[in-house]
Amino acid sequence: MFAFYADHFVLPLPPGHRFPMRKYSMLRDAVVREVPGLVLHEAPRADDSDLTLAHTPAYVAEVSSGQLDAARQREIGFPWSHEMVERSRRSAGATIAACQTALTQGIAVNLAGGTHHAYADKGGGFCVFNDAAIAARRLQRDGAVRRVAVIDLDVHQGNGTASILRDDSSIFTLSLHGEKNYPFRKEASDLDVGLPDGCDDDTYMAALAGALDMLHARFAPDLLIYLAGADPHEDDRLGRLRLTMAGLARRDKMVFDFALSQRLPVAVAMAGGYGNQIENTVAVHTQTVALAAQYHARHSTESCVQDAAAFVTAS
């Protein structure tokens, strides 16, 4: 299975900044150790023609040249730097590459991404460019797919994704999130499921099962983009939910089983995670990558079985 990384593009953050930049290099080290058969690739760079599929040309130019005003830079949450721009382009490029790879291999992973708070004309919540919206439209522009579903299981609503894709009937947005958590002004996804503070494993799984059933009833995608946030975990300092490691494994398996039942390719992005112990966040993300690798093996096996059956029938 292919995984795309950009952790060597490090933002120069001030001391005490709360964004866990270190988790990305820790995650790459962890998946190399713990996920057999993983093939790592440096994330490609999304260019302006990619970014403007989801963002206004003026916003892309202002970010790239460091011309954002102070208020919009504060809303992103990072000080401007060349590294911020490059990393953000690479993060979007990694999700594009994961989508392209998933079409032939069944699944692929961006070891970052999930930057779902970025709007067409502004960033927010540590998100500069919206990788899922960019990637979905890039594959549509290339003629690779017609219909894409974004399954956003970060604990925070994908407000930027919902806003960018609000009037786009070819891309379905599903967000399962903490109802009272950030962002406090929610946007309208195609399907929003708000969860109460303290939500446990069983409550979450019931809500997710219902949401996936509704997605299946309302939309027939050619590709899934799955934002697998670590922040529903019980240790997350910003999450306010109470999912265990076992519960998060059930969550990932439910999404992958849903995809396998319909023979859908899946691109996975890691999205948020702010554990009191950074090692817990890395462990959640590592578990997701390991389960994705199992899906890759199952997808490959079933493809071989189907190809063999087709050959026998034709003969």
Protein backbone atom coordinates (compact mmCIF):
# COMPACT_ATOMS: atom_id res chain seq x y z
CA MET A 1 0.00 0.00 0.00
CA PHE A 2 1.22 3.51 -0.86
CA ALA A 3 1.44 6.29 1.72
CA PHE A 4 2.41 9.87 0.93
CA TYR A 5 4.25 12.10 3.42
CA ALA A 6 5.37 15.70 3.74
CA ASP A 7 6.60 15.80 7.34
CA HIS A 8 10.06 17.02 6.29
CA PHE A 9 8.43 20.36 5.41
CA VAL A 10 8.28 21.68 8.97
CA LEU A 11 6.59 24.94 9.95
CA PRO A 12 8.74 27.23 12.11
CA LEU A 13 6.27 27.65 14.97
CA PRO A 14 6.89 29.80 18.06
CA PRO A 15 7.61 28.08 21.42
CA GLY A 16 4.47 26.83 23.12
CA HIS A 17 2.36 26.72 19.94
CA ARG A 18 -0.39 24.14 20.45
CA PHE A 19 -0.29 22.54 17.00
CA PRO A 20 1.37 19.08 17.29
CA MET A 21 3.74 19.38 14.32
CA ARG A 22 5.91 16.59 15.70
CA LYS A 23 3.18 13.99 15.24
CA TYR A 24 3.77 13.74 11.49
CA SER A 25 7.39 12.62 11.64
CA MET A 26 6.50 10.37 14.58
CA LEU A 27 3.71 8.83 12.51
CA ARG A 28 5.98 8.14 9.56
CA ASP A 29 8.48 6.43 11.87
CA ALA A 30 5.70 4.41 13.49
CA VAL A 31 4.10 3.13 10.27
CA VAL A 32 7.50 2.14 8.89
CA ARG A 33 8.01 -0.02 12.00
CA GLU A 34 4.49 -1.38 12.36
CA VAL A 35 2.83 -1.67 8.94
CA PRO A 36 4.45 -4.34 6.74
CA GLY A 37 4.53 -3.74 3.00
CA LEU A 38 3.97 0.00 3.21
CA VAL A 39 5.57 1.95 0.35
CA LEU A 40 6.36 5.57 1.22
CA HIS A 41 6.44 8.38 -1.32
CA GLU A 42 7.17 12.06 -0.90
CA ALA A 43 4.00 14.06 -1.44
CA PRO A 44 3.83 15.83 -4.81
CA ARG A 45 3.24 19.57 -4.90
CA ALA A 46 -0.21 20.88 -5.81
CA ASP A 47 0.11 23.79 -8.25
CA ASP A 48 -2.13 26.82 -8.66
CA SER A 49 -4.32 25.08 -11.23
CA ASP A 50 -5.08 22.42 -8.60
CA LEU A 51 -5.64 24.81 -5.72
CA THR A 52 -8.00 27.05 -7.67
CA LEU A 53 -10.34 24.13 -8.27
CA ALA A 54 -11.50 24.77 -4.68
CA HIS A 55 -10.08 28.20 -3.78
CA THR A 56 -10.33 31.66 -5.27
CA PRO A 57 -7.30 32.77 -7.29
CA ALA A 58 -6.98 35.82 -5.04
CA TYR A 59 -6.73 33.68 -1.90
CA VAL A 60 -4.16 31.34 -3.44
CA ALA A 61 -2.06 34.33 -4.54
CA GLU A 62 -2.28 36.00 -1.13
CA VAL A 63 -1.22 32.85 0.70
CA SER A 64 1.61 32.14 -1.73
CA SER A 65 3.04 35.67 -1.53
CA GLY A 66 2.50 36.22 2.19
CA GLN A 67 -0.05 38.99 1.60
CA LEU A 68 -2.84 37.75 3.87
CA ASP A 69 -3.95 40.38 6.35
CA ALA A 70 -3.28 39.79 10.04
CA ALA A 71 -6.84 38.77 10.88
CA ARG A 72 -6.99 36.04 8.25
CA GLN A 73 -3.54 34.80 9.23
CA ARG A 74 -4.67 34.55 12.86
CA GLU A 75 -7.74 32.60 11.74
CA ILE A 76 -5.46 30.01 10.14
CA GLY A 77 -3.48 29.79 13.37
CA PHE A 78 0.01 29.66 11.86
CA PRO A 79 2.44 32.51 11.29
CA TRP A 80 3.12 32.90 7.56
CA SER A 81 6.29 31.29 6.21
CA HIS A 82 7.53 29.80 2.96
CA GLU A 83 7.45 26.44 4.77
CA MET A 84 3.75 26.91 5.57
CA VAL A 85 2.97 27.48 1.90
CA GLU A 86 5.06 24.54 0.69
CA ARG A 87 3.72 22.13 3.30
CA SER A 88 0.13 23.14 2.52
CA ARG A 89 0.66 22.56 -1.19
CA ARG A 90 2.27 19.19 -0.50
CA SER A 91 -0.54 18.15 1.83
CA ALA A 92 -3.09 18.82 -0.91
CA GLY A 93 -0.84 17.07 -3.43
CA ALA A 94 -0.65 14.02 -1.17
CA THR A 95 -4.42 13.63 -1.11
CA ILE A 96 -4.56 14.01 -4.90
CA ALA A 97 -1.90 11.29 -5.21
CA ALA A 98 -3.71 9.05 -2.71
CA CYS A 99 -6.92 9.38 -4.73
CA GLN A 100 -5.14 8.58 -7.99
CA THR A 101 -3.41 5.58 -6.44
CA ALA A 102 -6.61 4.30 -4.81
CA LEU A 103 -8.27 4.01 -8.21
CA THR A 104 -5.80 1.29 -9.21
CA GLN A 105 -4.84 -0.20 -5.81
CA GLY A 106 -8.07 0.10 -3.85
CA ILE A 107 -6.71 2.35 -1.12
CA ALA A 108 -3.88 4.78 -0.40
CA VAL A 109 -3.03 7.09 2.47
CA ASN A 110 -1.96 10.67 3.05
CA LEU A 111 -0.01 10.72 6.33
CA ALA A 112 -1.28 14.27 6.85
CA GLY A 113 -4.18 16.13 5.19
CA GLY A 114 -7.78 16.41 6.28
CA THR A 115 -7.56 20.21 6.19
CA HIS A 116 -11.32 20.64 6.22
CA HIS A 117 -11.63 24.08 7.85
CA ALA A 118 -10.25 25.91 4.79
CA TYR A 119 -12.90 27.82 2.83
CA ALA A 120 -12.69 28.96 -0.78
CA ASP A 121 -11.38 32.38 0.22
CA LYS A 122 -9.86 31.86 3.67
CA GLY A 123 -8.22 29.34 5.94
CA GLY A 124 -9.02 28.43 9.52
CA GLY A 125 -8.30 26.01 12.33
CA PHE A 126 -4.74 25.16 11.17
CA CYS A 127 -6.01 24.54 7.62
CA VAL A 128 -4.68 26.55 4.67
CA PHE A 129 -5.91 24.68 1.57
CA ASN A 130 -8.78 22.17 1.56
CA ASP A 131 -7.15 18.96 0.36
CA ALA A 132 -10.33 16.86 0.07
CA ALA A 133 -12.19 19.42 -2.05
CA ILE A 134 -9.11 20.01 -4.22
CA ALA A 135 -8.47 16.30 -4.75
CA ALA A 136 -12.09 15.46 -5.55
CA ARG A 137 -12.27 18.17 -8.19
CA ARG A 138 -8.85 17.35 -9.61
CA LEU A 139 -9.90 13.75 -10.27
CA GLN A 140 -13.15 14.97 -11.78
CA ARG A 141 -11.26 17.44 -13.98
CA ASP A 142 -9.02 14.61 -15.16
CA GLY A 143 -12.04 12.47 -16.03
CA ALA A 144 -10.98 9.77 -13.56
CA VAL A 145 -14.24 9.86 -11.54
CA ARG A 146 -17.61 11.56 -11.75
CA ARG A 147 -18.94 11.33 -8.19
CA VAL A 148 -17.01 11.51 -4.90
CA ALA A 149 -18.11 11.11 -1.28
CA VAL A 150 -16.17 12.76 1.54
CA ILE A 151 -16.62 10.91 4.84
CA ASP A 152 -15.35 13.27 7.52
CA LEU A 153 -14.86 11.61 10.91
CA ASP A 154 -12.72 14.29 12.50
CA VAL A 155 -14.32 15.43 15.77
CA HIS A 156 -14.74 18.94 14.34
CA GLN A 157 -17.25 19.63 11.58
CA GLY A 158 -15.80 19.98 8.08
CA ASN A 159 -17.18 23.49 7.70
CA GLY A 160 -14.84 24.57 4.92
CA THR A 161 -15.52 21.45 2.88
CA ALA A 162 -19.26 21.88 3.30
CA SER A 163 -19.06 25.52 2.23
CA ILE A 164 -16.90 24.92 -0.85
CA LEU A 165 -19.01 22.00 -2.05
CA ARG A 166 -22.43 23.25 -0.96
CA ASP A 167 -23.83 23.60 -4.48
CA ASP A 168 -21.93 20.70 -6.04
CA SER A 169 -24.26 17.73 -6.45
CA SER A 170 -21.41 15.55 -7.76
CA ILE A 171 -19.63 15.50 -4.36
CA PHE A 172 -21.41 14.27 -1.21
CA THR A 173 -20.19 15.61 2.14
CA LEU A 174 -20.82 13.61 5.32
CA SER A 175 -19.61 14.98 8.66
CA LEU A 176 -19.91 13.14 12.00
CA HIS A 177 -18.70 15.52 14.70
CA GLY A 178 -19.10 16.94 18.18
CA GLU A 179 -22.22 19.12 18.05
CA LYS A 180 -20.97 21.62 20.62
CA ASN A 181 -17.35 21.63 19.52
CA TYR A 182 -15.47 23.90 17.11
CA PRO A 183 -16.49 25.38 14.70
CA PHE A 184 -19.27 26.99 16.70
CA ARG A 185 -20.92 28.24 13.51
CA LYS A 186 -21.54 25.09 11.48
CA GLU A 187 -22.04 24.94 7.71
CA ALA A 188 -24.55 22.62 6.01
CA SER A 189 -22.98 19.39 4.74
CA ASP A 190 -25.08 17.04 2.64
CA LEU A 191 -25.35 14.97 5.82
CA ASP A 192 -24.42 16.25 9.28
CA VAL A 193 -24.56 14.10 12.41
CA GLY A 194 -23.89 16.02 15.61
CA LEU A 195 -22.79 14.03 18.65
CA PRO A 196 -23.06 14.99 22.34
CA ASP A 197 -20.04 15.64 24.53
CA GLY A 198 -18.89 12.41 26.18
CA CYS A 199 -20.17 10.21 23.33
CA ASP A 200 -18.92 6.63 23.82
CA ASP A 201 -17.99 3.84 21.41
CA ASP A 202 -21.41 2.24 21.04
CA THR A 203 -23.26 5.53 20.60
CA TYR A 204 -20.74 6.61 17.97
CA MET A 205 -20.93 3.34 16.03
CA ALA A 206 -24.70 3.45 15.92
CA ALA A 207 -24.58 7.00 14.58
CA LEU A 208 -21.94 6.10 11.99
CA ALA A 209 -23.83 3.02 10.82
CA GLY A 210 -26.93 5.12 10.30
CA ALA A 211 -24.98 7.80 8.45
CA LEU A 212 -23.37 5.27 6.10
CA ASP A 213 -26.76 3.70 5.40
CA MET A 214 -28.11 7.13 4.51
CA LEU A 215 -25.11 7.89 2.28
CA HIS A 216 -25.68 4.60 0.46
CA ALA A 217 -29.37 5.37 -0.01
CA ARG A 218 -28.79 8.90 -1.32
CA PHE A 219 -25.59 8.78 -3.36
CA ALA A 220 -23.53 6.41 -5.52
CA PRO A 221 -19.88 7.53 -5.47
CA ASP A 222 -17.00 6.35 -7.60
CA LEU A 223 -14.48 7.21 -4.85
CA LEU A 224 -14.41 7.80 -1.10
CA ILE A 225 -12.17 10.34 0.61
CA TYR A 226 -12.03 9.39 4.30
CA LEU A 227 -10.88 11.92 6.92
CA ALA A 228 -9.85 9.70 9.83
CA GLY A 229 -9.36 12.15 12.69
CA ALA A 230 -7.66 10.93 15.85
CA ASP A 231 -9.43 13.59 17.90
CA PRO A 232 -12.55 11.58 18.87
CA HIS A 233 -10.16 9.64 21.15
CA GLU A 234 -10.80 9.89 24.87
CA ASP A 235 -7.33 11.37 25.51
CA ASP A 236 -7.72 14.23 23.03
CA ARG A 237 -7.60 17.62 24.72
CA LEU A 238 -9.84 19.25 22.10
CA GLY A 239 -12.15 16.35 21.25
CA ARG A 240 -14.65 16.09 24.14
CA LEU A 241 -15.73 12.60 23.01
CA ARG A 242 -14.83 9.32 24.74
CA LEU A 243 -13.88 6.84 22.04
CA THR A 244 -11.37 4.18 22.99
CA MET A 245 -8.65 2.75 20.77
CA ALA A 246 -10.89 -0.28 20.21
CA GLY A 247 -13.78 2.00 19.32
CA LEU A 248 -11.68 3.90 16.79
CA ALA A 249 -10.64 0.60 15.24
CA ARG A 250 -14.33 -0.28 14.91
CA ARG A 251 -14.94 3.10 13.28
CA ASP A 252 -12.20 2.58 10.67
CA LYS A 253 -13.29 -1.00 9.96
CA MET A 254 -16.87 0.15 9.47
CA VAL A 255 -15.79 2.67 6.84
CA PHE A 256 -13.51 0.19 5.10
CA ASP A 257 -16.16 -2.55 5.17
CA PHE A 258 -18.65 -0.08 3.68
CA ALA A 259 -16.19 0.66 0.89
CA LEU A 260 -15.38 -3.00 0.28
CA SER A 261 -19.05 -3.96 0.09
CA GLN A 262 -19.42 -1.58 -2.86
CA ARG A 263 -15.96 -2.10 -4.37
CA LEU A 264 -15.10 1.57 -3.79
CA PRO A 265 -11.56 2.93 -3.82
CA VAL A 266 -10.64 4.91 -0.70
CA ALA A 267 -8.16 7.75 -0.13
CA VAL A 268 -7.45 8.23 3.58
CA ALA A 269 -6.25 11.46 5.20
CA MET A 270 -5.28 11.67 8.86
CA ALA A 271 -7.05 14.94 9.86
CA GLY A 272 -6.82 16.23 13.45
CA GLY A 273 -5.45 14.86 16.68
CA TYR A 274 -4.43 16.77 19.80
CA GLY A 275 -3.80 14.18 22.48
CA ASN A 276 -2.69 15.12 25.96
CA GLN A 277 0.02 12.60 25.16
CA ILE A 278 1.17 12.96 21.56
CA GLU A 279 2.02 9.25 21.54
CA ASN A 280 -1.70 8.46 21.86
CA THR A 281 -2.54 10.54 18.79
CA VAL A 282 0.23 8.82 16.82
CA ALA A 283 -1.06 5.42 17.97
CA VAL A 284 -4.58 6.21 16.70
CA HIS A 285 -3.27 7.32 13.30
CA THR A 286 -0.94 4.31 13.10
CA GLN A 287 -3.87 1.99 13.81
CA THR A 288 -5.82 3.60 10.95
CA VAL A 289 -2.93 3.08 8.53
CA ALA A 290 -2.55 -0.55 9.64
CA LEU A 291 -6.27 -1.19 9.09
CA ALA A 292 -6.06 0.52 5.71
CA ALA A 293 -3.27 -1.90 4.80
CA GLN A 294 -5.57 -4.79 5.73
CA TYR A 295 -8.25 -3.31 3.46
CA HIS A 296 -5.64 -3.10 0.69
CA ALA A 297 -4.90 -6.82 1.09
CA ARG A 298 -8.60 -7.73 1.15
CA HIS A 299 -9.33 -5.55 -1.88
CA SER A 300 -6.47 -7.13 -3.82
CA THR A 301 -7.57 -10.65 -2.89
CA GLU A 302 -11.18 -10.06 -3.89
CA SER A 303 -10.09 -8.44 -7.16
CA CYS A 304 -8.02 -11.53 -7.98
CA VAL A 305 -10.93 -13.84 -7.14
CA GLN A 306 -13.33 -11.80 -9.28
CA ASP A 307 -10.83 -11.70 -12.18
CA ALA A 308 -10.38 -15.48 -11.96
CA ALA A 309 -14.14 -16.04 -11.90
CA ALA A 310 -14.59 -13.79 -14.92
CA PHE A 311 -11.87 -15.71 -16.77
CA VAL A 312 -13.49 -19.08 -16.01
CA THR A 313 -16.91 -17.79 -17.09
CA ALA A 314 -15.50 -16.41 -20.34
CA SER A 315 -13.70 -19.66 -21.04
